[in-house]
């Protein structure tokens, strides 16, 4: 399913439960014209900005990264991280492309729980109100990937 159809599907699902999810009402809450939201849903315009996609995600209760990916975009914070070390992240992403989904889920959980946390992960944990995992300063910069 493409981005526009997926947005329409989410909005219409919610409209079945509440009249708050008409094109007009959703457009008003995310700060766009109803005609523009209709064009997005029909695929008549190119993908909206990251900020508009994030507002749509919040309004429709969907993951912003998923909607960004459906729109052919990557979150700006993820781009900044990759740009900071492009060779290693490109190799990592390509290397993980053949890993079964179940193993990826376990790896992501390990990273989220601080098992591989570096300074950025700990800052994210702080923003999310999580306790960082057990790491010491001596472990920073080391990779468990070998």
Protein backbone atom coordinates (compact mmCIF):
# COMPACT_ATOMS: atom_id res chain seq x y z
CA UNK A 1 0.00 0.00 0.00
CA UNK A 2 1.37 3.43 -0.88
CA UNK A 3 1.61 6.39 1.49
CA UNK A 4 -1.59 8.17 0.47
CA UNK A 5 -3.74 5.05 0.52
CA UNK A 6 -2.32 4.06 3.89
CA UNK A 7 -3.13 7.51 5.34
CA UNK A 8 -6.67 7.30 3.97
CA UNK A 9 -7.05 3.76 5.37
CA UNK A 10 -5.91 4.87 8.85
CA UNK A 11 -8.12 7.94 8.82
CA UNK A 12 -11.19 6.02 7.64
CA UNK A 13 -10.65 3.33 10.28
CA UNK A 14 -10.68 6.00 12.94
CA UNK A 15 -13.66 7.77 11.33
CA UNK A 16 -15.72 4.62 11.84
CA UNK A 17 -15.22 5.15 15.58
CA UNK A 18 -15.35 8.95 15.71
CA UNK A 19 -16.56 11.76 13.46
CA UNK A 20 -13.42 13.66 14.45
CA UNK A 21 -11.58 11.92 11.59
CA UNK A 22 -13.13 13.52 8.53
CA UNK A 23 -10.70 14.93 5.99
CA UNK A 24 -11.69 18.44 7.08
CA UNK A 25 -11.17 17.81 10.81
CA UNK A 26 -7.87 15.93 10.46
CA UNK A 27 -6.55 18.59 8.07
CA UNK A 28 -7.49 21.33 10.52
CA UNK A 29 -5.74 19.58 13.43
CA UNK A 30 -2.51 18.95 11.49
CA UNK A 31 -2.47 22.45 10.00
CA UNK A 32 -3.09 21.82 6.29
CA UNK A 33 -5.93 22.58 3.92
CA UNK A 34 -8.53 19.80 3.50
CA UNK A 35 -7.95 19.85 -0.27
CA UNK A 36 -4.24 19.21 0.30
CA UNK A 37 -4.91 16.26 2.62
CA UNK A 38 -7.30 14.85 0.01
CA UNK A 39 -4.57 15.17 -2.62
CA UNK A 40 -2.11 13.41 -0.31
CA UNK A 41 -4.56 10.54 0.20
CA UNK A 42 -5.16 10.22 -3.55
CA UNK A 43 -1.45 10.43 -4.37
CA UNK A 44 -2.00 13.56 -6.47
CA UNK A 45 0.91 15.41 -4.82
CA UNK A 46 4.41 14.41 -3.83
CA UNK A 47 5.01 13.33 -0.25
CA UNK A 48 4.49 16.05 2.32
CA UNK A 49 7.24 17.41 4.54
CA UNK A 50 8.65 15.40 7.43
CA UNK A 51 6.90 17.72 9.88
CA UNK A 52 3.51 17.19 8.21
CA UNK A 53 4.08 13.43 8.21
CA UNK A 54 4.97 13.56 11.92
CA UNK A 55 1.77 15.50 12.66
CA UNK A 56 -0.24 12.96 10.65
CA UNK A 57 1.41 10.13 12.57
CA UNK A 58 0.55 11.71 15.91
CA UNK A 59 -3.01 12.47 14.82
CA UNK A 60 -3.63 8.97 13.44
CA UNK A 61 -1.77 7.07 16.16
CA UNK A 62 0.82 5.60 13.80
CA UNK A 63 4.59 5.33 14.01
CA UNK A 64 6.22 8.34 12.33
CA UNK A 65 9.15 6.29 11.01
CA UNK A 66 6.73 3.91 9.29
CA UNK A 67 4.86 6.76 7.63
CA UNK A 68 8.12 8.44 6.62
CA UNK A 69 9.31 5.19 5.03
CA UNK A 70 6.03 4.77 3.15
CA UNK A 71 6.55 8.31 1.85
CA UNK A 72 10.06 7.38 0.71
CA UNK A 73 11.75 9.44 3.43
CA UNK A 74 14.03 8.85 6.37
CA UNK A 75 13.75 10.84 9.59
CA UNK A 76 16.13 13.78 9.70
CA UNK A 77 17.65 12.65 13.00
CA UNK A 78 18.44 9.24 11.46
CA UNK A 79 20.01 10.96 8.43
CA UNK A 80 22.20 13.06 10.73
CA UNK A 81 23.39 9.94 12.55
CA UNK A 82 24.21 8.19 9.28
CA UNK A 83 25.96 11.26 7.86
CA UNK A 84 28.11 11.37 11.00
CA UNK A 85 29.60 7.98 10.14
CA UNK A 86 28.37 7.02 6.66
CA UNK A 87 30.71 4.15 5.87
CA UNK A 88 30.07 2.24 9.09
CA UNK A 89 26.30 2.80 9.04
CA UNK A 90 26.01 1.85 5.37
CA UNK A 91 27.97 -1.35 6.06
CA UNK A 92 25.87 -2.07 9.14
CA UNK A 93 22.55 -1.55 7.33
CA UNK A 94 23.62 -3.61 4.33
CA UNK A 95 24.93 -6.33 6.63
CA UNK A 96 21.65 -6.47 8.51
CA UNK A 97 19.53 -6.68 5.36
CA UNK A 98 19.64 -10.50 5.34
CA UNK A 99 19.16 -10.98 9.09
CA UNK A 100 15.81 -12.62 9.92
CA UNK A 101 13.25 -10.24 11.42
CA UNK A 102 13.19 -12.10 14.74
CA UNK A 103 16.92 -11.55 15.19
CA UNK A 104 16.56 -7.88 14.26
CA UNK A 105 13.85 -7.49 16.89
CA UNK A 106 16.16 -8.99 19.51
CA UNK A 107 19.00 -6.70 18.44
CA UNK A 108 16.77 -3.62 18.60
CA UNK A 109 15.55 -4.63 22.07
CA UNK A 110 19.14 -5.05 23.21
CA UNK A 111 20.02 -1.59 21.92
CA UNK A 112 16.90 -0.04 23.48
CA UNK A 113 17.60 -1.68 26.82
CA UNK A 114 21.10 -0.27 26.93
CA UNK A 115 22.99 -3.46 26.12
CA UNK A 116 24.88 -1.62 23.40
CA UNK A 117 24.28 1.91 24.61
CA UNK A 118 26.77 4.59 23.77
CA UNK A 119 26.40 8.26 24.70
CA UNK A 120 23.59 8.89 22.15
CA UNK A 121 21.56 5.92 23.35
CA UNK A 122 21.83 7.13 26.91
CA UNK A 123 20.67 10.62 25.88
CA UNK A 124 17.68 9.05 24.11
CA UNK A 125 16.97 6.96 27.21
CA UNK A 126 17.04 10.17 29.24
CA UNK A 127 14.54 11.84 26.88
CA UNK A 128 12.28 8.78 27.03
CA UNK A 129 12.54 8.56 30.81
CA UNK A 130 14.28 5.18 30.70
CA UNK A 131 17.10 3.96 32.82
CA UNK A 132 20.22 3.31 30.73
CA UNK A 133 21.61 -0.19 30.65
CA UNK A 134 24.72 -1.28 32.51
CA UNK A 135 27.68 0.21 30.66
CA UNK A 136 30.76 1.97 31.83
CA UNK A 137 32.73 4.72 30.22
CA UNK A 138 35.39 2.16 29.30
CA UNK A 139 32.83 0.33 27.15
CA UNK A 140 31.95 3.40 25.09
CA UNK A 141 33.04 3.17 21.50
CA UNK A 142 33.35 -0.61 21.53
CA UNK A 143 31.09 -2.62 19.32
CA UNK A 144 29.66 -5.97 20.21
CA UNK A 145 29.40 -6.74 16.51
CA UNK A 146 33.09 -7.56 16.36
